[in-house]
Protein backbone atom coordinates (compact mmCIF):
# COMPACT_ATOMS: atom_id res chain seq x y z
CA MET A 1 86.83 -109.87 -43.12
CA HIS A 2 83.31 -109.45 -42.04
CA TYR A 3 82.01 -108.83 -45.50
CA ARG A 4 83.53 -111.72 -47.27
CA TYR A 5 82.23 -113.63 -44.15
CA LYS A 6 78.95 -112.82 -45.32
CA VAL A 7 79.83 -113.40 -49.15
CA TYR A 8 80.90 -117.08 -48.07
CA THR A 9 77.80 -117.43 -45.56
CA ARG A 10 75.27 -116.30 -48.44
CA ARG A 11 76.96 -118.60 -51.22
CA LEU A 12 77.16 -121.40 -48.80
CA LEU A 13 72.94 -121.19 -47.74
CA LEU A 14 72.65 -121.21 -51.48
CA ALA A 15 74.74 -124.34 -52.30
CA THR A 16 72.83 -125.86 -49.86
CA GLY A 17 69.22 -124.66 -50.94
CA ILE A 18 70.83 -126.17 -54.49
CA GLY A 19 71.57 -129.25 -53.15
CA VAL A 20 68.25 -129.78 -50.78
CA LEU A 21 66.42 -128.64 -54.20
CA THR A 22 67.92 -131.04 -56.00
CA LEU A 23 67.57 -133.73 -54.23
CA VAL A 24 63.89 -133.11 -53.63
CA LEU A 25 63.60 -132.99 -57.47
CA SER A 26 65.17 -135.52 -58.52
CA PRO A 27 63.22 -138.40 -57.82
CA LEU A 28 60.24 -136.28 -58.91
CA MET A 29 62.20 -135.85 -62.11
CA PHE A 30 63.33 -139.67 -62.74
CA TYR A 31 59.49 -140.36 -61.85
CA GLY A 32 57.71 -138.53 -65.19
CA TRP A 33 60.95 -139.20 -66.73
CA ARG A 34 59.90 -142.88 -66.72
CA CYS A 35 56.63 -141.60 -66.98
CA LEU A 36 56.78 -140.41 -70.65
CA LEU A 37 58.36 -143.86 -71.26
CA ARG A 38 54.87 -145.52 -71.14
CA PRO A 39 52.96 -146.36 -74.08
CA SER A 40 50.72 -143.36 -75.47
CA ARG A 41 46.95 -143.87 -74.40
CA THR A 42 45.68 -143.98 -77.72
CA ASP A 43 44.28 -147.19 -79.28
CA MET A 44 46.07 -149.14 -81.94
CA GLU A 45 45.48 -152.47 -83.19
CA GLN A 46 49.08 -154.32 -85.08
CA VAL A 47 50.16 -157.60 -86.46
CA LEU A 48 52.99 -157.97 -85.03
CA PHE A 49 54.23 -161.63 -86.66
CA ARG A 50 52.56 -164.00 -88.99
CA GLY A 51 49.33 -165.00 -86.59
CA ILE A 52 49.55 -163.00 -83.77
CA VAL A 53 47.96 -159.82 -83.93
CA TYR A 54 48.64 -157.04 -80.63
CA ARG A 55 45.60 -154.19 -80.07
CA ARG A 56 45.74 -152.22 -77.34
CA TYR A 57 42.98 -149.60 -75.87
CA ALA A 58 41.98 -146.98 -73.46
CA LEU A 59 39.40 -146.96 -71.26
CA LEU A 60 38.70 -143.78 -69.29
CA THR A 61 35.80 -145.28 -66.96
CA PRO A 62 34.84 -146.29 -64.47
CA ARG A 63 38.55 -145.47 -63.84
CA PRO A 64 41.66 -144.87 -66.52
CA ALA A 65 42.81 -148.05 -67.28
CA MET A 66 45.25 -149.21 -70.55
CA ILE A 67 44.19 -152.91 -71.85
CA HIS A 68 46.64 -154.96 -74.28
CA ILE A 69 45.44 -158.19 -75.63
CA VAL A 70 47.42 -160.48 -78.38
CA THR A 71 45.63 -162.65 -80.46
CA ILE A 72 47.81 -166.09 -81.43
CA ASP A 73 46.28 -168.59 -84.31
CA LEU A 74 48.07 -171.76 -83.70
CA GLN A 75 47.22 -173.13 -86.53
CA THR A 76 49.43 -170.38 -88.65
CA PRO A 77 53.02 -172.21 -89.22
CA GLY A 78 55.27 -171.25 -87.40
CA ILE A 79 53.33 -170.21 -84.10
CA LYS A 80 55.40 -172.28 -81.44
CA PRO A 81 55.17 -171.48 -77.33
CA LEU A 82 57.96 -172.22 -74.72
CA VAL A 83 56.98 -172.04 -71.50
CA THR A 84 60.59 -171.03 -69.23
CA PRO A 85 62.83 -174.48 -68.31
CA GLY A 86 63.31 -175.00 -64.77
CA ALA A 87 66.79 -174.71 -63.55
CA LEU A 88 69.00 -177.39 -65.20
CA GLY A 89 66.10 -179.79 -66.61
CA SER A 90 65.63 -180.11 -63.11
CA SER A 91 61.90 -181.52 -61.63
CA ASN A 92 63.28 -179.57 -58.75
CA ARG A 93 60.49 -176.90 -58.75
CA GLU A 94 63.20 -174.37 -59.29
CA THR A 95 63.87 -171.60 -62.08
CA SER A 96 66.09 -168.90 -62.51
CA ALA A 97 64.43 -165.67 -61.90
CA ARG A 98 64.28 -163.69 -65.01
CA LYS A 99 62.59 -159.96 -66.55
CA THR A 100 60.42 -161.19 -69.21
CA SER A 101 62.69 -159.23 -72.11
CA GLU A 102 65.55 -161.16 -70.26
CA PHE A 103 63.24 -164.88 -71.63
CA LEU A 104 62.62 -163.52 -74.39
CA ASN A 105 66.46 -162.38 -75.73
CA GLN A 106 68.01 -165.98 -73.83
CA TYR A 107 65.42 -167.87 -76.53
CA LYS A 108 65.32 -165.30 -79.13
CA LEU A 109 60.96 -165.63 -79.14
CA GLN A 110 59.37 -162.65 -81.10
CA LEU A 111 56.75 -162.64 -78.30
CA ALA A 112 57.10 -163.10 -74.26
CA ILE A 113 54.89 -162.64 -71.05
CA ASN A 114 54.39 -163.45 -67.88
CA ALA A 115 53.42 -166.39 -66.71
CA SER A 116 52.42 -167.86 -62.86
CA TYR A 117 52.78 -167.13 -59.50
CA PHE A 118 55.91 -167.74 -57.83
CA HIS A 119 57.99 -167.56 -54.51
CA HIS A 120 59.56 -166.14 -52.63
CA PHE A 121 58.83 -162.81 -53.00
CA TYR A 122 58.97 -159.47 -51.52
CA GLU A 123 59.14 -155.72 -52.52
CA LYS A 124 60.34 -152.84 -49.90
CA SER A 125 62.06 -150.44 -52.24
CA PRO A 126 63.82 -150.02 -55.27
CA TRP A 127 66.25 -151.39 -53.45
CA ASP A 128 65.58 -154.15 -51.54
CA TYR A 129 63.10 -156.57 -53.18
CA TYR A 130 63.64 -160.37 -54.20
CA PRO A 131 64.16 -161.95 -56.80
CA HIS A 132 66.64 -160.89 -58.68
CA SER A 133 67.32 -161.88 -62.29
CA GLY A 134 69.04 -164.66 -61.78
CA ASP A 135 68.13 -165.96 -58.08
CA PRO A 136 65.96 -168.91 -57.53
CA SER A 137 62.64 -168.68 -58.01
CA TYR A 138 60.03 -171.62 -57.65
CA PRO A 139 56.84 -170.95 -59.62
CA ILE A 140 53.48 -172.43 -58.18
CA GLY A 141 51.20 -175.36 -59.46
CA ASP A 142 51.60 -177.47 -62.61
CA ALA A 143 54.45 -176.43 -64.91
CA ILE A 144 56.20 -177.98 -67.46
CA SER A 145 58.46 -177.01 -70.78
CA ASN A 146 59.60 -178.93 -73.28
CA GLY A 147 57.78 -182.07 -72.14
CA VAL A 148 59.56 -181.78 -68.37
CA ARG A 149 57.17 -181.47 -65.60
CA TYR A 150 59.63 -179.44 -63.12
CA SER A 151 57.10 -178.02 -60.66
CA PRO A 152 53.75 -180.40 -59.38
CA PRO A 153 50.39 -179.59 -59.86
CA GLU A 154 48.44 -177.93 -56.65
CA ALA A 155 45.56 -177.96 -55.63
CA ASN A 156 43.01 -175.22 -56.79
CA LYS A 157 45.48 -174.08 -59.09
CA PRO A 158 43.90 -174.55 -62.87
CA VAL A 159 46.48 -174.94 -65.70
CA LEU A 160 47.08 -174.28 -69.34
CA CYS A 161 48.46 -176.47 -71.61
CA PHE A 162 49.60 -177.44 -75.19
CA SER A 163 49.48 -180.30 -76.80
CA ALA A 164 52.38 -181.89 -79.27
CA GLN A 165 50.09 -180.82 -81.79
CA ASN A 166 49.76 -176.69 -81.07
CA ARG A 167 46.84 -177.34 -79.24
CA VAL A 168 45.99 -175.40 -76.69
CA GLN A 169 43.26 -175.83 -73.59
CA ILE A 170 42.66 -174.12 -69.80
CA LEU A 171 41.75 -177.21 -67.64
CA LYS A 172 40.54 -177.20 -64.14
CA THR A 173 41.76 -180.11 -62.76
CA GLU A 174 45.36 -178.80 -61.39
CA LYS A 175 47.16 -180.73 -63.57
CA CYS A 176 48.30 -180.55 -67.65
CA PRO A 177 47.42 -184.33 -69.12
CA GLU A 178 50.22 -186.75 -70.44
CA GLY A 179 51.37 -185.39 -73.83
CA THR A 180 51.59 -181.84 -72.81
CA VAL A 181 54.87 -180.11 -74.10
CA HIS A 182 54.53 -177.10 -72.25
CA GLY A 183 52.00 -176.03 -69.51
CA VAL A 184 51.63 -173.25 -66.98
CA ALA A 185 49.25 -172.71 -63.90
CA GLY A 186 47.05 -169.92 -63.01
CA GLU A 187 45.23 -168.64 -59.87
CA GLU A 188 41.66 -169.03 -60.72
CA LEU A 189 39.52 -169.14 -63.64
CA LEU A 190 37.61 -166.54 -64.93
CA VAL A 191 35.58 -168.37 -67.61
CA ASP A 192 34.44 -171.86 -67.87
CA SER A 193 32.48 -173.43 -70.99
CA ALA A 194 31.98 -170.20 -72.25
CA GLN A 195 30.48 -169.18 -68.98
CA ALA A 196 31.70 -166.29 -66.76
CA ASN A 197 32.90 -167.76 -62.95
CA ASP A 198 31.07 -165.52 -60.18
CA ASN A 199 32.90 -167.14 -58.00
CA ASN A 200 35.69 -164.69 -58.21
CA LEU A 201 34.59 -161.80 -56.86
CA ALA A 202 35.66 -161.66 -53.11
CA GLU A 203 38.33 -158.52 -52.34
CA ASP A 204 37.89 -157.57 -55.97
CA LYS A 205 39.59 -154.82 -56.54
CA PRO A 206 41.25 -152.38 -59.32
CA TYR A 207 44.78 -154.33 -60.03
CA PRO A 208 47.01 -154.33 -62.82
CA ARG A 209 46.09 -158.06 -64.76
CA VAL A 210 47.49 -160.94 -66.56
CA ALA A 211 45.05 -163.05 -68.09
CA ALA A 212 45.15 -166.07 -71.08
CA ALA A 213 42.41 -167.05 -72.79
CA VAL A 214 41.51 -169.64 -75.32
CA ASN A 215 38.59 -170.50 -77.90
CA ARG A 216 36.91 -174.00 -77.96
CA GLU A 217 38.75 -175.53 -80.61
CA GLY A 218 41.84 -175.10 -78.97
CA THR A 219 43.88 -173.09 -82.13
CA LYS A 220 43.17 -169.46 -80.99
CA LEU A 221 45.07 -168.14 -77.80
CA TRP A 222 44.45 -164.83 -76.12
CA LEU A 223 46.74 -163.06 -74.01
CA ILE A 224 45.38 -160.31 -72.08
CA ALA A 225 47.51 -157.57 -70.03
CA VAL A 226 46.03 -154.63 -67.82
CA ASP A 227 48.10 -151.94 -66.54
CA GLY A 228 47.57 -150.59 -63.19
CA LYS A 229 48.55 -149.22 -59.69
CA GLN A 230 49.67 -145.37 -62.15
CA PRO A 231 46.84 -142.55 -61.15
CA LEU A 232 45.72 -140.85 -64.25
CA TYR A 233 47.19 -143.65 -66.42
CA SER A 234 46.04 -146.42 -65.96
CA GLU A 235 44.98 -147.69 -61.97
CA GLY A 236 43.63 -151.44 -63.43
CA ILE A 237 40.83 -153.20 -63.66
CA THR A 238 38.60 -155.78 -61.42
CA ILE A 239 38.51 -159.66 -61.97
CA ALA A 240 35.00 -159.31 -63.13
CA GLU A 241 36.10 -156.63 -65.40
CA LEU A 242 38.65 -159.07 -66.43
CA THR A 243 36.13 -161.79 -66.77
CA LYS A 244 33.68 -159.27 -69.24
CA ILE A 245 37.22 -158.55 -71.46
CA ALA A 246 37.74 -162.23 -72.25
CA THR A 247 34.06 -162.99 -72.37
CA ASP A 248 33.60 -160.33 -74.90
CA LEU A 249 36.53 -162.12 -77.13
CA GLY A 250 34.74 -165.10 -77.46
CA ALA A 251 36.41 -166.76 -74.80
CA TYR A 252 35.52 -170.57 -74.31
CA ALA A 253 37.74 -170.55 -70.91
CA ALA A 254 40.12 -168.12 -69.36
CA LEU A 255 42.94 -168.60 -66.92
CA ASN A 256 44.17 -165.45 -64.01
CA LEU A 257 47.72 -165.22 -64.17
CA ASP A 258 50.69 -163.55 -62.24
CA GLY A 259 49.35 -160.15 -62.01
CA GLY A 260 50.42 -156.66 -59.86
CA GLY A 261 54.01 -155.27 -60.52
CA SER A 262 54.86 -158.86 -62.85
CA THR A 263 52.11 -157.80 -65.62
CA THR A 264 54.59 -157.30 -68.35
CA LEU A 265 54.18 -158.01 -72.39
CA VAL A 266 57.34 -157.91 -74.41
CA MET A 267 57.92 -158.23 -78.28
CA SER A 268 61.20 -158.42 -80.17
CA THR A 269 62.48 -155.67 -82.39
CA ASN A 270 65.34 -155.87 -85.30
CA GLN A 271 66.96 -153.08 -82.40
CA GLY A 272 66.25 -155.68 -79.24
CA SER A 273 62.97 -156.03 -77.49
CA ARG A 274 59.95 -153.72 -76.81
CA VAL A 275 57.87 -153.73 -73.71
CA LEU A 276 54.33 -153.07 -75.14
CA ASN A 277 52.25 -152.15 -72.09
CA ALA A 278 53.46 -150.21 -68.85
CA PRO A 279 54.88 -152.48 -66.22
CA ILE A 280 55.42 -151.03 -62.50
CA HIS A 281 58.03 -152.77 -60.32
CA THR A 282 59.01 -151.80 -57.18
CA ARG A 283 56.54 -148.45 -58.12
CA ILE A 284 58.87 -147.29 -60.67
CA PRO A 285 57.08 -147.07 -64.42
CA MET A 286 58.40 -149.07 -66.82
CA ARG A 287 60.87 -151.35 -64.66
CA GLU A 288 60.45 -155.01 -65.25
CA ARG A 289 59.94 -157.47 -62.65
CA PRO A 290 62.08 -160.75 -62.64
CA VAL A 291 59.83 -163.23 -62.12
CA GLY A 292 59.80 -167.23 -62.04
CA ASN A 293 58.21 -168.25 -65.58
CA HIS A 294 56.99 -167.25 -68.26
CA LEU A 295 54.96 -167.97 -71.40
CA GLY A 296 56.83 -167.22 -75.42
CA PHE A 297 55.84 -167.70 -78.69
CA TYR A 298 58.52 -168.08 -81.66
CA ALA A 299 56.86 -166.76 -84.92
CA LEU A 300 57.70 -165.81 -88.31
CA PRO A 301 57.68 -162.62 -89.77
CA GLU A 302 54.89 -161.04 -91.11
CA GLU A 303 54.48 -161.35 -95.25
């Protein structure tokens, strides 16, 4: 009887130890698996669609960072922008929050990126955050989709605006002009009239970033996405570094858009959507955040 008790005790302790070890290792294994899904830290350049070229490169100094740049030639036949429409076409500022890949799939786009800042938002744990997909969300600043303004301009929120002639401009006037078909607001100008804005350096620290940049003629758009919050892979960049990326591209104007865990760049493939960068929603690599609105593009297959 005593022997059986000892055997039972050993088995119980072993099972308990295995259970505890599994509880400890499972999150680490899950995190490690998610890390393996991230894009490789190798430089590459690829034509994605007709008029749309994607380039990524890895930085080592002053810290690890992954830079993703999409160049869009708006004069290319088939190129057409789309901003997330307001809820039911209304003008009450509301949208239905979506992941960027959900937006791309819903509207059968070829490329999409997150756009304006929005509220309400919080992130407490992988299970406790807002908004989830389908929840009401409210973009901040001017937002226009298919010619309908569903979110009003706000002070100190510069705008990115597309005309019916497929020309793009970035304005510090906080309101897209009459005739704008699609438009979103950002946080601050990085570049204005080909000059870097040096007033954006307060509390400047490495962070995931998203920016849009345009040429003087309004025929070319650059989308810049920088991964962050991921030690050894990509820690992010500062506003000053983001500004330099835009000026090195030759931007006439550049606008900082919503970054952080919202940073997501997605393309369509024959197998479905593909995330080109490494989002970090709720501290989980390659997890997309549902956001208030997006900027997407239709395009034709490359020849």
